[in-house]
Structures are given as structure tokens and as C-alpha cells.
N, C-alpha and C. Protein backbone atom coordinates (compact mmCIF):
# COMPACT_ATOMS: atom_id res chain seq x y z
N MET A 1 3.95 -1.83 27.13
CA MET A 1 3.03 -1.24 26.15
C MET A 1 3.38 -1.73 24.76
N LYS A 2 2.34 -2.04 23.97
CA LYS A 2 2.53 -2.44 22.57
C LYS A 2 2.55 -1.20 21.69
N LYS A 3 2.95 -1.40 20.45
CA LYS A 3 2.89 -0.31 19.48
C LYS A 3 2.12 -0.78 18.25
N ILE A 4 1.65 0.17 17.48
CA ILE A 4 0.93 -0.12 16.25
C ILE A 4 1.47 0.78 15.14
N MET A 5 1.59 0.22 13.95
CA MET A 5 2.13 0.98 12.83
C MET A 5 1.05 1.25 11.81
N PHE A 6 1.04 2.48 11.29
CA PHE A 6 0.18 2.87 10.20
C PHE A 6 1.04 3.29 9.01
N ASN A 7 0.51 3.10 7.83
CA ASN A 7 1.28 3.34 6.60
C ASN A 7 1.52 4.84 6.38
N ASP A 8 2.79 5.23 6.30
CA ASP A 8 3.13 6.64 6.09
C ASP A 8 3.06 7.04 4.63
N LYS A 9 3.26 6.09 3.73
CA LYS A 9 3.24 6.41 2.29
C LYS A 9 1.90 6.99 1.90
N TYR A 10 0.84 6.56 2.59
CA TYR A 10 -0.51 7.05 2.28
C TYR A 10 -1.04 7.97 3.40
N GLY A 11 -0.12 8.46 4.22
CA GLY A 11 -0.47 9.47 5.22
C GLY A 11 -1.37 8.99 6.34
N LEU A 12 -1.36 7.69 6.63
CA LEU A 12 -2.30 7.16 7.61
C LEU A 12 -1.91 7.46 9.05
N THR A 13 -0.62 7.56 9.33
CA THR A 13 -0.22 7.98 10.69
C THR A 13 -0.73 9.38 10.98
N GLN A 14 -0.54 10.27 10.01
CA GLN A 14 -1.01 11.65 10.20
C GLN A 14 -2.52 11.70 10.29
N ALA A 15 -3.20 10.81 9.56
CA ALA A 15 -4.67 10.76 9.63
C ALA A 15 -5.13 10.39 11.04
N VAL A 16 -4.39 9.49 11.71
CA VAL A 16 -4.70 9.12 13.08
C VAL A 16 -4.47 10.31 14.01
N LEU A 17 -3.34 10.98 13.84
CA LEU A 17 -3.00 12.11 14.70
C LEU A 17 -3.95 13.28 14.48
N SER A 18 -4.56 13.35 13.30
CA SER A 18 -5.52 14.41 12.99
C SER A 18 -6.95 14.00 13.34
N VAL A 19 -7.10 12.80 13.90
CA VAL A 19 -8.39 12.23 14.31
C VAL A 19 -9.32 12.07 13.11
N ARG A 20 -8.76 11.89 11.92
CA ARG A 20 -9.56 11.56 10.76
C ARG A 20 -9.68 10.05 10.59
N LYS A 21 -8.73 9.34 11.13
CA LYS A 21 -8.74 7.87 11.07
C LYS A 21 -8.96 7.33 12.47
N THR A 22 -10.07 6.63 12.66
CA THR A 22 -10.41 6.09 13.97
C THR A 22 -10.70 4.59 13.91
N GLN A 23 -10.40 3.98 12.78
CA GLN A 23 -10.54 2.54 12.62
C GLN A 23 -9.36 2.01 11.81
N THR A 24 -9.04 0.74 12.04
CA THR A 24 -8.06 0.06 11.20
C THR A 24 -8.44 -1.41 11.12
N ARG A 25 -8.23 -1.99 9.96
CA ARG A 25 -8.53 -3.41 9.75
C ARG A 25 -7.24 -4.17 9.49
N ARG A 26 -7.05 -5.24 10.21
CA ARG A 26 -5.86 -6.07 10.10
C ARG A 26 -6.29 -7.49 9.73
N ILE A 27 -5.69 -8.00 8.66
CA ILE A 27 -6.06 -9.33 8.16
C ILE A 27 -5.74 -10.40 9.19
N ILE A 28 -6.67 -11.30 9.41
CA ILE A 28 -6.47 -12.39 10.37
C ILE A 28 -5.65 -13.49 9.72
N THR A 29 -4.55 -13.83 10.34
CA THR A 29 -3.72 -14.94 9.89
C THR A 29 -3.59 -15.93 11.04
N CYS A 30 -3.22 -17.15 10.72
CA CYS A 30 -3.09 -18.16 11.77
C CYS A 30 -1.68 -18.76 11.73
N PRO A 31 -1.24 -19.31 12.85
CA PRO A 31 0.10 -19.91 12.92
C PRO A 31 0.15 -21.20 12.09
N LYS A 32 1.35 -21.60 11.73
CA LYS A 32 1.52 -22.85 10.98
C LYS A 32 1.33 -24.06 11.88
N SER A 33 1.58 -23.89 13.15
CA SER A 33 1.39 -25.00 14.09
C SER A 33 0.93 -24.47 15.43
N PHE A 34 0.29 -25.36 16.23
CA PHE A 34 -0.16 -25.00 17.56
C PHE A 34 0.01 -26.21 18.46
N ARG A 35 0.84 -26.06 19.48
CA ARG A 35 1.14 -27.13 20.42
C ARG A 35 1.52 -28.42 19.70
N GLY A 36 2.32 -28.29 18.68
CA GLY A 36 2.83 -29.45 17.95
C GLY A 36 1.92 -29.95 16.84
N GLU A 37 0.73 -29.40 16.73
CA GLU A 37 -0.19 -29.82 15.68
C GLU A 37 -0.11 -28.87 14.49
N TRP A 38 -0.12 -29.43 13.29
CA TRP A 38 -0.11 -28.62 12.09
C TRP A 38 -1.47 -27.92 11.92
N VAL A 39 -1.44 -26.65 11.59
CA VAL A 39 -2.66 -25.86 11.45
C VAL A 39 -2.96 -25.63 9.97
N ALA A 40 -4.18 -26.00 9.58
CA ALA A 40 -4.58 -25.83 8.18
C ALA A 40 -5.34 -24.52 7.95
N GLY A 41 -5.97 -24.01 8.99
CA GLY A 41 -6.75 -22.79 8.85
C GLY A 41 -7.55 -22.50 10.11
N PHE A 42 -8.60 -21.69 9.97
CA PHE A 42 -9.43 -21.39 11.13
C PHE A 42 -10.90 -21.31 10.74
N HIS A 43 -11.74 -21.65 11.71
CA HIS A 43 -13.20 -21.54 11.57
C HIS A 43 -13.66 -20.27 12.26
N VAL A 44 -14.69 -19.65 11.71
CA VAL A 44 -15.36 -18.54 12.36
C VAL A 44 -16.80 -18.97 12.60
N TYR A 45 -17.20 -19.02 13.85
CA TYR A 45 -18.54 -19.47 14.21
C TYR A 45 -19.45 -18.28 14.50
N LYS A 46 -20.62 -18.28 13.86
CA LYS A 46 -21.59 -17.20 14.04
C LYS A 46 -22.91 -17.75 14.57
N ARG A 47 -23.58 -16.94 15.33
CA ARG A 47 -24.92 -17.28 15.80
C ARG A 47 -25.89 -17.12 14.62
N GLN A 48 -26.71 -18.12 14.38
CA GLN A 48 -27.59 -18.10 13.22
C GLN A 48 -28.64 -16.99 13.30
N SER A 49 -29.09 -16.63 14.48
CA SER A 49 -30.17 -15.67 14.62
C SER A 49 -29.79 -14.27 14.15
N ASP A 50 -28.57 -13.82 14.53
CA ASP A 50 -28.19 -12.45 14.19
C ASP A 50 -26.81 -12.32 13.57
N GLY A 51 -26.14 -13.45 13.34
CA GLY A 51 -24.83 -13.41 12.69
C GLY A 51 -23.70 -12.97 13.61
N ALA A 52 -23.95 -12.81 14.89
CA ALA A 52 -22.91 -12.39 15.83
C ALA A 52 -21.87 -13.50 16.01
N MET A 53 -20.61 -13.07 16.20
CA MET A 53 -19.54 -14.04 16.42
C MET A 53 -19.67 -14.66 17.79
N LEU A 54 -19.50 -15.96 17.85
CA LEU A 54 -19.63 -16.67 19.13
C LEU A 54 -18.32 -16.70 19.90
N GLU A 55 -17.20 -16.65 19.19
CA GLU A 55 -15.89 -16.71 19.83
C GLU A 55 -14.85 -16.26 18.84
N TRP A 56 -13.59 -16.17 19.28
CA TRP A 56 -12.52 -15.85 18.38
C TRP A 56 -12.31 -17.01 17.40
N PRO A 57 -11.74 -16.75 16.23
CA PRO A 57 -11.55 -17.83 15.24
C PRO A 57 -10.84 -19.05 15.83
N SER A 58 -11.36 -20.23 15.53
CA SER A 58 -10.82 -21.49 16.07
C SER A 58 -9.96 -22.19 15.03
N LEU A 59 -8.77 -22.57 15.43
CA LEU A 59 -7.86 -23.26 14.53
C LEU A 59 -8.36 -24.68 14.23
N TYR A 60 -8.07 -25.14 13.01
CA TYR A 60 -8.40 -26.53 12.68
C TYR A 60 -7.23 -27.20 11.97
N ASP A 61 -7.24 -28.55 11.99
CA ASP A 61 -6.15 -29.32 11.40
C ASP A 61 -6.47 -29.72 9.97
N ALA A 62 -5.65 -30.64 9.42
CA ALA A 62 -5.80 -31.04 8.03
C ALA A 62 -7.14 -31.70 7.74
N ASP A 63 -7.76 -32.30 8.77
CA ASP A 63 -9.07 -32.93 8.60
C ASP A 63 -10.21 -31.94 8.90
N GLU A 64 -9.85 -30.67 9.08
CA GLU A 64 -10.80 -29.61 9.45
C GLU A 64 -11.48 -29.85 10.79
N SER A 65 -10.76 -30.57 11.65
CA SER A 65 -11.23 -30.78 13.02
C SER A 65 -10.68 -29.65 13.89
N THR A 66 -11.53 -29.09 14.73
CA THR A 66 -11.10 -27.99 15.59
C THR A 66 -10.02 -28.45 16.55
N ILE A 67 -8.97 -27.66 16.65
CA ILE A 67 -7.87 -27.95 17.57
C ILE A 67 -8.24 -27.38 18.94
N GLU A 68 -8.32 -28.24 19.93
CA GLU A 68 -8.74 -27.82 21.27
C GLU A 68 -7.83 -26.74 21.83
N GLY A 69 -8.44 -25.67 22.25
CA GLY A 69 -7.69 -24.57 22.86
C GLY A 69 -7.00 -23.65 21.87
N GLY A 70 -7.17 -23.92 20.58
CA GLY A 70 -6.48 -23.12 19.58
C GLY A 70 -7.35 -22.01 19.02
N TYR A 71 -6.96 -20.77 19.29
CA TYR A 71 -7.73 -19.62 18.81
C TYR A 71 -6.79 -18.59 18.20
N VAL A 72 -7.33 -17.80 17.29
CA VAL A 72 -6.60 -16.64 16.77
C VAL A 72 -7.11 -15.43 17.53
N LEU A 73 -6.28 -14.88 18.37
CA LEU A 73 -6.69 -13.77 19.23
C LEU A 73 -6.24 -12.43 18.63
N PRO A 74 -7.01 -11.39 18.84
CA PRO A 74 -6.59 -10.07 18.35
C PRO A 74 -5.33 -9.62 19.07
N LYS A 75 -4.50 -8.87 18.38
CA LYS A 75 -3.26 -8.39 18.99
C LYS A 75 -3.54 -7.37 20.07
N TYR A 76 -4.60 -6.58 19.88
CA TYR A 76 -4.93 -5.51 20.81
C TYR A 76 -6.30 -5.76 21.44
N LYS A 77 -6.43 -5.45 22.72
CA LYS A 77 -7.68 -5.70 23.45
C LYS A 77 -8.43 -4.41 23.70
N ILE A 78 -9.75 -4.52 23.92
CA ILE A 78 -10.57 -3.36 24.25
C ILE A 78 -10.05 -2.72 25.54
N GLY A 79 -9.87 -1.41 25.50
CA GLY A 79 -9.37 -0.66 26.67
C GLY A 79 -7.86 -0.51 26.69
N GLU A 80 -7.16 -1.25 25.85
CA GLU A 80 -5.68 -1.21 25.86
C GLU A 80 -5.18 0.11 25.25
N ILE A 81 -4.13 0.66 25.88
CA ILE A 81 -3.46 1.85 25.36
C ILE A 81 -2.29 1.38 24.51
N VAL A 82 -2.22 1.85 23.27
CA VAL A 82 -1.22 1.39 22.31
C VAL A 82 -0.47 2.59 21.77
N ALA A 83 0.85 2.48 21.69
CA ALA A 83 1.68 3.56 21.18
C ALA A 83 1.63 3.61 19.65
N ILE A 84 1.55 4.81 19.09
CA ILE A 84 1.60 4.98 17.65
C ILE A 84 3.07 5.04 17.24
N ALA A 85 3.50 4.09 16.45
CA ALA A 85 4.92 4.01 16.08
C ALA A 85 5.28 5.12 15.10
N GLN A 86 6.33 5.86 15.44
CA GLN A 86 6.95 6.83 14.55
C GLN A 86 8.46 6.69 14.72
N SER A 87 9.20 6.99 13.68
CA SER A 87 10.65 6.97 13.85
C SER A 87 11.05 8.03 14.87
N TYR A 88 12.18 7.81 15.54
CA TYR A 88 12.64 8.81 16.50
C TYR A 88 12.81 10.17 15.82
N LYS A 89 13.27 10.15 14.59
CA LYS A 89 13.46 11.40 13.84
C LYS A 89 12.12 12.09 13.65
N LYS A 90 11.11 11.35 13.22
CA LYS A 90 9.77 11.91 12.96
C LYS A 90 9.12 12.37 14.25
N ALA A 91 9.35 11.64 15.33
CA ALA A 91 8.73 11.96 16.61
C ALA A 91 9.43 13.10 17.34
N GLY A 92 10.56 13.55 16.79
CA GLY A 92 11.29 14.65 17.42
C GLY A 92 12.07 14.23 18.65
N ILE A 93 12.44 12.96 18.73
CA ILE A 93 13.20 12.45 19.87
C ILE A 93 14.69 12.57 19.54
N SER A 94 15.39 13.43 20.26
CA SER A 94 16.78 13.72 19.93
C SER A 94 17.77 12.98 20.81
N SER A 95 17.26 12.30 21.86
CA SER A 95 18.15 11.52 22.72
C SER A 95 17.37 10.38 23.32
N LEU A 96 18.09 9.39 23.80
CA LEU A 96 17.49 8.22 24.40
C LEU A 96 17.84 8.13 25.87
N PRO A 97 16.94 7.55 26.69
CA PRO A 97 17.32 7.26 28.07
C PRO A 97 18.51 6.32 28.09
N GLU A 98 19.30 6.41 29.11
CA GLU A 98 20.56 5.65 29.16
C GLU A 98 20.31 4.15 28.99
N GLU A 99 19.22 3.66 29.59
CA GLU A 99 18.99 2.21 29.53
C GLU A 99 18.62 1.74 28.13
N ASP A 100 18.20 2.69 27.26
CA ASP A 100 17.82 2.32 25.90
C ASP A 100 18.84 2.77 24.87
N ASP A 101 19.93 3.34 25.35
CA ASP A 101 20.94 3.84 24.43
C ASP A 101 21.98 2.75 24.17
N GLU A 102 21.82 2.06 23.07
CA GLU A 102 22.66 0.91 22.78
C GLU A 102 24.11 1.28 22.50
N PHE A 103 24.38 2.56 22.24
CA PHE A 103 25.74 2.96 21.92
C PHE A 103 26.44 3.65 23.08
N GLY A 104 25.74 3.74 24.23
CA GLY A 104 26.39 4.28 25.41
C GLY A 104 26.50 5.78 25.46
N CYS A 105 25.73 6.46 24.60
CA CYS A 105 25.74 7.92 24.63
C CYS A 105 24.30 8.40 24.50
N TYR A 106 24.04 9.61 24.95
CA TYR A 106 22.67 10.07 24.99
C TYR A 106 22.21 10.68 23.66
N ASP A 107 23.10 11.34 22.96
CA ASP A 107 22.68 12.16 21.84
C ASP A 107 22.81 11.46 20.51
N PHE A 108 21.89 11.81 19.61
CA PHE A 108 22.04 11.45 18.21
C PHE A 108 23.08 12.43 17.63
N PRO A 109 23.77 12.30 16.49
CA PRO A 109 23.15 11.66 15.33
C PRO A 109 23.07 10.15 15.49
N ALA A 110 21.93 9.66 15.21
CA ALA A 110 21.69 8.26 15.47
C ALA A 110 21.33 7.52 14.20
N GLU A 111 21.94 7.90 13.09
CA GLU A 111 21.75 7.11 11.89
C GLU A 111 22.26 5.69 12.13
N GLN A 112 23.08 5.55 13.17
CA GLN A 112 23.54 4.21 13.57
C GLN A 112 22.59 3.58 14.58
N THR A 113 21.65 4.36 15.10
CA THR A 113 20.78 3.88 16.17
C THR A 113 19.49 3.33 15.60
N ASN A 114 19.16 2.10 15.97
CA ASN A 114 17.92 1.51 15.52
C ASN A 114 16.75 2.40 15.95
N GLY A 115 15.91 2.75 14.99
CA GLY A 115 14.76 3.56 15.29
C GLY A 115 14.88 5.01 14.85
N TRP A 116 16.09 5.46 14.54
CA TRP A 116 16.24 6.86 14.14
C TRP A 116 15.40 7.19 12.90
N SER A 117 15.44 6.33 11.90
CA SER A 117 14.65 6.57 10.68
C SER A 117 13.72 5.41 10.36
N ASN A 118 13.72 4.37 11.18
CA ASN A 118 12.87 3.20 10.93
C ASN A 118 12.04 2.91 12.16
N LYS A 119 10.71 3.13 12.05
CA LYS A 119 9.86 3.00 13.21
C LYS A 119 9.63 1.56 13.66
N MET A 120 10.09 0.60 12.87
CA MET A 120 9.97 -0.80 13.29
C MET A 120 10.78 -1.07 14.54
N PHE A 121 11.80 -0.26 14.80
CA PHE A 121 12.73 -0.57 15.89
C PHE A 121 12.60 0.36 17.09
N VAL A 122 11.57 1.20 17.11
CA VAL A 122 11.45 2.14 18.23
C VAL A 122 10.85 1.45 19.46
N ARG A 123 11.13 2.04 20.61
CA ARG A 123 10.55 1.57 21.87
C ARG A 123 9.18 2.21 22.07
N ALA A 124 8.20 1.39 22.37
CA ALA A 124 6.82 1.89 22.47
C ALA A 124 6.69 2.99 23.52
N TYR A 125 7.32 2.82 24.66
CA TYR A 125 7.12 3.77 25.76
C TYR A 125 7.73 5.13 25.48
N LEU A 126 8.58 5.23 24.44
CA LEU A 126 9.16 6.51 24.07
C LEU A 126 8.31 7.29 23.08
N MET A 127 7.30 6.66 22.53
CA MET A 127 6.47 7.30 21.53
C MET A 127 5.59 8.38 22.15
N PRO A 128 5.48 9.54 21.49
CA PRO A 128 4.74 10.66 22.09
C PRO A 128 3.22 10.57 21.94
N HIS A 129 2.73 9.68 21.07
CA HIS A 129 1.29 9.61 20.83
C HIS A 129 0.77 8.20 21.04
N GLN A 130 -0.46 8.13 21.55
CA GLN A 130 -1.06 6.84 21.88
C GLN A 130 -2.54 6.82 21.50
N ILE A 131 -3.07 5.62 21.28
CA ILE A 131 -4.50 5.44 21.07
C ILE A 131 -5.03 4.45 22.10
N ARG A 132 -6.34 4.51 22.32
CA ARG A 132 -7.02 3.54 23.17
C ARG A 132 -7.96 2.72 22.29
N ILE A 133 -7.87 1.40 22.38
CA ILE A 133 -8.75 0.53 21.62
C ILE A 133 -10.14 0.55 22.26
N THR A 134 -11.16 0.91 21.51
CA THR A 134 -12.51 1.02 22.07
C THR A 134 -13.42 -0.13 21.65
N ASN A 135 -13.06 -0.84 20.60
CA ASN A 135 -13.87 -1.99 20.17
C ASN A 135 -13.04 -2.85 19.23
N VAL A 136 -13.31 -4.15 19.28
CA VAL A 136 -12.68 -5.11 18.35
C VAL A 136 -13.77 -6.06 17.88
N ARG A 137 -13.85 -6.25 16.58
CA ARG A 137 -14.81 -7.21 16.05
C ARG A 137 -14.21 -7.93 14.85
N ILE A 138 -14.83 -9.06 14.50
CA ILE A 138 -14.39 -9.84 13.35
C ILE A 138 -15.41 -9.63 12.24
N GLU A 139 -14.92 -9.42 11.04
CA GLU A 139 -15.81 -9.31 9.90
C GLU A 139 -15.05 -9.63 8.63
N LYS A 140 -15.76 -9.86 7.55
CA LYS A 140 -15.14 -9.99 6.25
C LYS A 140 -14.78 -8.58 5.77
N LEU A 141 -13.71 -8.47 5.06
CA LEU A 141 -13.22 -7.15 4.64
C LEU A 141 -14.31 -6.36 3.89
N GLN A 142 -15.03 -7.04 3.01
CA GLN A 142 -16.04 -6.35 2.19
C GLN A 142 -17.32 -6.02 2.95
N ASP A 143 -17.41 -6.41 4.23
CA ASP A 143 -18.57 -6.05 5.04
C ASP A 143 -18.53 -4.60 5.51
N ILE A 144 -17.45 -3.90 5.23
CA ILE A 144 -17.29 -2.54 5.72
C ILE A 144 -18.39 -1.63 5.15
N SER A 145 -18.88 -0.73 5.99
CA SER A 145 -19.91 0.22 5.57
C SER A 145 -19.26 1.47 4.99
N ASP A 146 -20.04 2.29 4.30
CA ASP A 146 -19.51 3.54 3.76
C ASP A 146 -19.00 4.43 4.88
N GLU A 147 -19.74 4.46 5.99
CA GLU A 147 -19.34 5.28 7.13
C GLU A 147 -17.99 4.84 7.68
N ASP A 148 -17.79 3.53 7.77
CA ASP A 148 -16.52 3.02 8.30
C ASP A 148 -15.38 3.22 7.30
N CYS A 149 -15.69 3.24 6.01
CA CYS A 149 -14.65 3.55 5.01
C CYS A 149 -14.06 4.93 5.28
N ILE A 150 -14.92 5.90 5.60
CA ILE A 150 -14.45 7.24 5.92
C ILE A 150 -13.61 7.21 7.19
N LYS A 151 -14.01 6.41 8.18
CA LYS A 151 -13.28 6.32 9.44
C LYS A 151 -11.92 5.63 9.28
N GLU A 152 -11.68 5.04 8.11
CA GLU A 152 -10.37 4.46 7.82
C GLU A 152 -9.36 5.52 7.35
N GLY A 153 -9.82 6.79 7.26
CA GLY A 153 -8.89 7.88 7.00
C GLY A 153 -8.95 8.50 5.63
N ILE A 154 -9.91 8.08 4.79
CA ILE A 154 -10.00 8.68 3.45
C ILE A 154 -10.76 10.01 3.55
N GLU A 155 -10.48 10.89 2.60
CA GLU A 155 -11.11 12.21 2.57
C GLU A 155 -11.82 12.42 1.24
N PHE A 156 -12.71 13.42 1.22
CA PHE A 156 -13.49 13.70 0.01
C PHE A 156 -13.21 15.11 -0.49
N SER A 157 -12.97 15.23 -1.78
CA SER A 157 -12.78 16.53 -2.41
C SER A 157 -14.09 16.92 -3.09
N HIS A 158 -14.71 17.99 -2.60
CA HIS A 158 -15.95 18.45 -3.22
C HIS A 158 -15.70 18.99 -4.62
N LYS A 159 -14.53 19.55 -4.83
CA LYS A 159 -14.19 20.09 -6.14
C LYS A 159 -14.04 18.97 -7.17
N ALA A 160 -13.29 17.94 -6.80
CA ALA A 160 -13.05 16.84 -7.74
C ALA A 160 -14.13 15.78 -7.68
N GLN A 161 -14.94 15.82 -6.59
CA GLN A 161 -15.98 14.81 -6.38
C GLN A 161 -15.38 13.40 -6.34
N ARG A 162 -14.24 13.31 -5.66
CA ARG A 162 -13.54 12.02 -5.51
C ARG A 162 -12.95 11.92 -4.13
N PHE A 163 -12.65 10.68 -3.74
CA PHE A 163 -12.03 10.42 -2.44
C PHE A 163 -10.53 10.24 -2.61
N TYR A 164 -9.79 10.57 -1.54
CA TYR A 164 -8.34 10.55 -1.62
C TYR A 164 -7.73 10.39 -0.24
N VAL A 165 -6.42 10.11 -0.21
CA VAL A 165 -5.60 10.26 0.98
C VAL A 165 -4.43 11.14 0.58
N SER A 166 -3.78 11.75 1.57
CA SER A 166 -2.62 12.60 1.30
C SER A 166 -1.38 11.99 1.90
N ASN A 167 -0.28 11.94 1.13
CA ASN A 167 0.96 11.42 1.68
C ASN A 167 1.64 12.48 2.55
N ASP A 168 2.80 12.15 3.09
CA ASP A 168 3.46 13.06 4.03
C ASP A 168 3.90 14.36 3.38
N ASN A 169 3.98 14.38 2.05
CA ASN A 169 4.35 15.61 1.35
C ASN A 169 3.14 16.46 0.99
N GLY A 170 1.96 15.98 1.38
CA GLY A 170 0.74 16.72 1.08
C GLY A 170 0.17 16.43 -0.29
N THR A 171 0.78 15.52 -1.03
CA THR A 171 0.28 15.16 -2.36
C THR A 171 -0.93 14.26 -2.23
N ARG A 172 -1.99 14.58 -2.95
CA ARG A 172 -3.20 13.78 -2.90
C ARG A 172 -3.08 12.53 -3.77
N ILE A 173 -3.49 11.41 -3.21
CA ILE A 173 -3.51 10.15 -3.95
C ILE A 173 -4.99 9.81 -4.15
N TRP A 174 -5.44 9.92 -5.38
CA TRP A 174 -6.85 9.72 -5.69
C TRP A 174 -7.19 8.24 -5.67
N LEU A 175 -8.34 7.92 -5.07
CA LEU A 175 -8.68 6.52 -4.82
C LEU A 175 -9.95 6.05 -5.51
N GLY A 176 -10.98 6.89 -5.57
CA GLY A 176 -12.23 6.43 -6.17
C GLY A 176 -13.36 7.41 -6.00
N ASP A 177 -14.50 7.10 -6.62
CA ASP A 177 -15.65 7.98 -6.61
C ASP A 177 -16.61 7.75 -5.44
N THR A 178 -16.52 6.59 -4.80
CA THR A 178 -17.38 6.26 -3.66
C THR A 178 -16.50 5.83 -2.49
N PRO A 179 -17.01 5.90 -1.26
CA PRO A 179 -16.22 5.47 -0.11
C PRO A 179 -15.73 4.02 -0.26
N ARG A 180 -16.58 3.15 -0.73
CA ARG A 180 -16.24 1.74 -0.86
C ARG A 180 -15.17 1.53 -1.92
N GLU A 181 -15.32 2.18 -3.05
CA GLU A 181 -14.32 2.08 -4.11
C GLU A 181 -12.97 2.62 -3.63
N ALA A 182 -13.03 3.73 -2.89
CA ALA A 182 -11.80 4.34 -2.40
C ALA A 182 -11.10 3.44 -1.39
N PHE A 183 -11.85 2.87 -0.45
CA PHE A 183 -11.23 2.00 0.55
C PHE A 183 -10.67 0.73 -0.11
N ALA A 184 -11.39 0.18 -1.10
CA ALA A 184 -10.90 -1.00 -1.81
C ALA A 184 -9.56 -0.71 -2.48
N SER A 185 -9.45 0.46 -3.07
CA SER A 185 -8.19 0.86 -3.71
C SER A 185 -7.08 1.03 -2.69
N LEU A 186 -7.44 1.66 -1.56
CA LEU A 186 -6.43 1.91 -0.52
C LEU A 186 -5.92 0.61 0.07
N ILE A 187 -6.82 -0.32 0.40
CA ILE A 187 -6.39 -1.57 1.05
C ILE A 187 -5.53 -2.40 0.10
N ASP A 188 -5.82 -2.33 -1.21
CA ASP A 188 -4.99 -3.03 -2.18
C ASP A 188 -3.60 -2.45 -2.26
N GLN A 189 -3.50 -1.14 -2.09
CA GLN A 189 -2.18 -0.50 -2.14
C GLN A 189 -1.40 -0.70 -0.86
N VAL A 190 -2.10 -0.74 0.27
CA VAL A 190 -1.43 -0.91 1.56
C VAL A 190 -1.10 -2.37 1.84
N SER A 191 -2.04 -3.28 1.55
CA SER A 191 -1.89 -4.69 1.95
C SER A 191 -1.57 -5.64 0.79
N GLY A 192 -1.56 -5.13 -0.43
CA GLY A 192 -1.19 -5.96 -1.56
C GLY A 192 -2.33 -6.10 -2.56
N LYS A 193 -1.95 -6.28 -3.81
CA LYS A 193 -2.93 -6.39 -4.89
C LYS A 193 -3.91 -7.53 -4.64
N ASP A 194 -5.16 -7.27 -4.95
CA ASP A 194 -6.27 -8.23 -4.84
C ASP A 194 -6.68 -8.55 -3.40
N THR A 195 -6.19 -7.77 -2.43
CA THR A 195 -6.62 -7.99 -1.04
C THR A 195 -8.12 -7.82 -0.92
N TRP A 196 -8.66 -6.76 -1.51
CA TRP A 196 -10.09 -6.51 -1.46
C TRP A 196 -10.87 -7.66 -2.10
N GLU A 197 -10.43 -8.08 -3.25
CA GLU A 197 -11.12 -9.14 -3.99
C GLU A 197 -11.12 -10.45 -3.23
N SER A 198 -10.03 -10.73 -2.51
CA SER A 198 -9.94 -12.00 -1.77
C SER A 198 -10.85 -12.01 -0.55
N ASN A 199 -11.26 -10.82 -0.09
CA ASN A 199 -12.25 -10.68 0.98
C ASN A 199 -11.91 -11.52 2.22
N PRO A 200 -10.73 -11.29 2.81
CA PRO A 200 -10.35 -12.08 3.99
C PRO A 200 -11.11 -11.65 5.25
N TYR A 201 -11.07 -12.50 6.27
CA TYR A 201 -11.54 -12.08 7.58
C TYR A 201 -10.54 -11.10 8.16
N VAL A 202 -11.04 -10.11 8.87
CA VAL A 202 -10.16 -9.11 9.49
C VAL A 202 -10.61 -8.86 10.93
N PHE A 203 -9.65 -8.41 11.73
CA PHE A 203 -9.98 -7.78 13.02
C PHE A 203 -10.19 -6.30 12.73
N ALA A 204 -11.39 -5.82 12.99
CA ALA A 204 -11.70 -4.39 12.81
C ALA A 204 -11.55 -3.71 14.17
N TYR A 205 -10.53 -2.87 14.29
CA TYR A 205 -10.29 -2.16 15.54
C TYR A 205 -10.84 -0.74 15.45
N GLU A 206 -11.58 -0.34 16.48
CA GLU A 206 -11.97 1.05 16.63
C GLU A 206 -11.13 1.65 17.75
N PHE A 207 -10.76 2.90 17.62
CA PHE A 207 -9.88 3.48 18.63
C PHE A 207 -10.09 4.99 18.71
N GLU A 208 -9.53 5.56 19.77
CA GLU A 208 -9.54 7.01 19.96
C GLU A 208 -8.15 7.48 20.32
N LEU A 209 -7.83 8.66 19.87
CA LEU A 209 -6.53 9.26 20.19
C LEU A 209 -6.58 9.78 21.62
N VAL A 210 -5.61 9.38 22.43
CA VAL A 210 -5.62 9.83 23.83
C VAL A 210 -4.44 10.74 24.16
N LYS A 211 -3.46 10.80 23.26
CA LYS A 211 -2.28 11.64 23.54
C LYS A 211 -1.57 11.98 22.24
């Protein structure tokens, strides 16, 4: 089983667990080389009639010639069950199965144990919560609709008439006056300054909480 990480600084893991976040966008990147060939970038081919994607992004070389067999594939597939990464501490896991206990003992304190406070190192099958991928599509980041902006986990305050996300301490982080403005602010904070402006291609994943 694979795992997926959501940003905790902006409360996105909790948004998934609360079923407020049912989509995530991940920037498409390509490898530096493929089967010994240097990769310069990727092409996205669309059908002229309706703009539908014909295939996954195709890698190309320095002459912009398509590299045979070279594609950028999504990390997660439709129907796949994926574990939501949380630190063992956050997930309430106080001991590890013997085969995963690198220190030869069952019990924490595991400040010495990979995964106790850093979810990058946890084992997927030990995670208590999972999602199922229900759809994957390719789009430019700025193609997102207002409805999908909300599905990315942002909330609206009727009192303030603004959109926000809440961090793990419950503090509201104000993002903008419209869904689009709010999502643009959020993606810049999560993925880096000017991400929205650069308008990269992304894999847009839709999912449902299953556990």
C-alpha cells in the first residue's frame, strides 16, 4: 500500500479526515533521464474537438522529439486505496509490530524511532485512515473551478465573508474573498511562491475517505 501526505501546517490532513477535502492537486514533474536519454520536458496531447487528454504526458528530448515509451504516470491510480500519512504519535500508535520495530522492542518512547513525530517515515499499512482514489485527470492549475477550490479543503466564514483554512491549533489562516483567490493563496503557501502564477500542469486526484 502507498501513502499520501497532506500539509498539517494548514490543517489539510484534518480536512481530509473531516471529509471537507476530497481533491488534491500534485504538480507534474518529469525525470531527468529515461532509459539513458536526457529528458527536456513533456508534451500533453489533447483532442481538438473537446480538449480531452489523449494519453499521459509524453517525455521529449532536447530536440523536442517524443521519447518512445516515455510517459509521466500518476502516482496513484483510480480505485487504489492509499494510506493517509500521520506520525505514529499523531495517529495514536503506541507500539510497533515486531517485524517493524527497528530497535527490537515493542513500546515507545520512540523519539528514537523513525515515524514517531515525522510522518515521512511511517509504514503505510500501520496508518489508521485511508482514502480511495475515484478519479485522476490532467489539467493546468488555473483550470480549477470554484466548486473544486472548495473541495480542496478551504472553508468560508459568513461573518468575515472570507475563505480560510484552520491549522492544527484551530487558528484560522485567512486566504481570500473568493474560492479562486483563496486556493491560489493556499497553493502558493503549500507548494511555494508563484506556483499559481506559473500555472503548471497537475494531476488532479479526486478521492473518498474509506476508513
